[in-house]
């Protein structure tokens, strides 16, 4: 019923993503999701600096993406794989224990 199509990962992609995320977090103190929530709540710092940072950062990344795609984003490629492929098991052998673990964790967290 489901066909998995994971994207390939790489050390370069993780480095660029981490730098962008870390820079935004360090400068403003918001994660991308929480800045959207803060904008919705009318937070002045999120509405001005957060929204400007999102738009400016997205624009800069979109502008330099063609050069990054052929350079650092290809460095240290992991390839396309999933946990079931790594362990050579059926998908359900990962999904069911993971789902049970999450339910148990949330029960005790409550």
Protein backbone atom coordinates (compact mmCIF):
# COMPACT_ATOMS: atom_id res chain seq x y z
CA UNK A 1 0.00 0.00 0.00
CA UNK A 2 2.87 2.36 0.75
CA UNK A 3 5.95 2.89 -1.35
CA UNK A 4 8.85 4.43 0.56
CA UNK A 5 10.85 7.03 -1.36
CA UNK A 6 13.44 8.43 1.04
CA UNK A 7 15.63 11.29 -0.03
CA UNK A 8 19.35 10.73 0.04
CA UNK A 9 21.24 12.34 2.88
CA UNK A 10 24.77 13.65 3.15
CA UNK A 11 27.11 15.26 5.63
CA UNK A 12 27.03 18.39 3.48
CA UNK A 13 23.23 18.64 3.65
CA UNK A 14 23.31 18.15 7.41
CA UNK A 15 26.03 20.80 7.80
CA UNK A 16 24.20 23.43 5.72
CA UNK A 17 20.85 22.68 7.37
CA UNK A 18 22.41 22.79 10.83
CA UNK A 19 24.12 26.10 10.11
CA UNK A 20 20.93 27.71 8.82
CA UNK A 21 18.85 26.34 11.71
CA UNK A 22 21.51 27.19 14.31
CA UNK A 23 22.05 30.72 13.02
CA UNK A 24 18.34 31.50 13.14
CA UNK A 25 17.96 29.92 16.57
CA UNK A 26 21.01 31.73 17.98
CA UNK A 27 19.99 35.14 16.65
CA UNK A 28 16.32 35.06 17.60
CA UNK A 29 15.80 32.15 19.98
CA UNK A 30 12.99 30.57 17.96
CA UNK A 31 12.78 27.31 16.06
CA UNK A 32 11.04 27.58 12.66
CA UNK A 33 7.83 26.09 14.07
CA UNK A 34 7.76 28.20 17.20
CA UNK A 35 8.41 31.41 15.28
CA UNK A 36 5.29 30.66 13.21
CA UNK A 37 3.32 30.12 16.43
CA UNK A 38 4.73 33.30 17.97
CA UNK A 39 3.77 35.27 14.85
CA UNK A 40 0.26 33.87 15.20
CA UNK A 41 0.18 35.03 18.82
CA UNK A 42 1.28 38.53 17.79
CA UNK A 43 4.77 38.47 19.30
CA UNK A 44 6.51 41.62 18.06
CA UNK A 45 10.03 40.14 17.86
CA UNK A 46 8.81 37.12 15.92
CA UNK A 47 6.63 39.22 13.63
CA UNK A 48 9.40 41.61 12.69
CA UNK A 49 12.75 39.84 12.98
CA UNK A 50 11.43 36.28 12.69
CA UNK A 51 9.37 36.86 9.57
CA UNK A 52 12.15 38.94 8.01
CA UNK A 53 14.66 36.18 8.80
CA UNK A 54 12.46 33.50 7.28
CA UNK A 55 11.95 35.47 4.08
CA UNK A 56 15.55 36.64 3.80
CA UNK A 57 17.03 33.24 4.64
CA UNK A 58 14.73 31.44 2.20
CA UNK A 59 15.57 33.90 -0.54
CA UNK A 60 19.32 33.62 0.01
CA UNK A 61 19.17 29.82 0.11
CA UNK A 62 17.07 29.69 -3.07
CA UNK A 63 19.53 32.00 -4.81
CA UNK A 64 22.66 30.02 -3.93
CA UNK A 65 21.06 26.54 -4.09
CA UNK A 66 22.22 25.75 -7.65
CA UNK A 67 25.85 26.23 -6.59
CA UNK A 68 25.38 24.37 -3.30
CA UNK A 69 23.67 21.46 -5.07
CA UNK A 70 26.74 20.74 -7.17
CA UNK A 71 29.18 21.40 -4.33
CA UNK A 72 28.82 20.87 -0.60
CA UNK A 73 25.40 19.21 -0.67
CA UNK A 74 26.92 16.20 -2.44
CA UNK A 75 29.78 15.78 0.06
CA UNK A 76 29.63 12.61 2.18
CA UNK A 77 26.51 11.09 0.63
CA UNK A 78 24.68 8.50 2.76
CA UNK A 79 22.57 7.22 -0.12
CA UNK A 80 18.88 6.38 0.07
CA UNK A 81 18.02 3.89 2.80
CA UNK A 82 15.57 3.17 5.59
CA UNK A 83 15.95 1.31 8.90
CA UNK A 84 14.26 -1.84 7.53
CA UNK A 85 16.74 -1.85 4.64
CA UNK A 86 19.69 -1.47 7.00
CA UNK A 87 18.54 -4.34 9.24
CA UNK A 88 17.23 -6.38 6.28
CA UNK A 89 13.81 -6.93 7.84
CA UNK A 90 10.18 -6.33 6.89
CA UNK A 91 8.96 -2.74 7.47
CA UNK A 92 6.57 -3.93 10.19
CA UNK A 93 9.46 -5.33 12.23
CA UNK A 94 10.53 -1.71 12.78
CA UNK A 95 7.15 0.05 12.77
CA UNK A 96 5.39 -2.05 15.44
CA UNK A 97 8.14 -1.98 18.11
CA UNK A 98 8.69 1.72 17.45
CA UNK A 99 4.95 2.49 17.79
CA UNK A 100 4.72 0.45 21.01
CA UNK A 101 7.80 2.21 22.39
CA UNK A 102 6.31 5.62 21.63
CA UNK A 103 3.01 4.72 23.33
CA UNK A 104 4.85 3.42 26.43
CA UNK A 105 7.05 6.53 26.52
CA UNK A 106 4.04 8.85 26.26
CA UNK A 107 2.17 6.90 28.95
CA UNK A 108 5.02 7.34 31.42
CA UNK A 109 5.60 10.92 30.32
CA UNK A 110 2.03 11.77 31.24
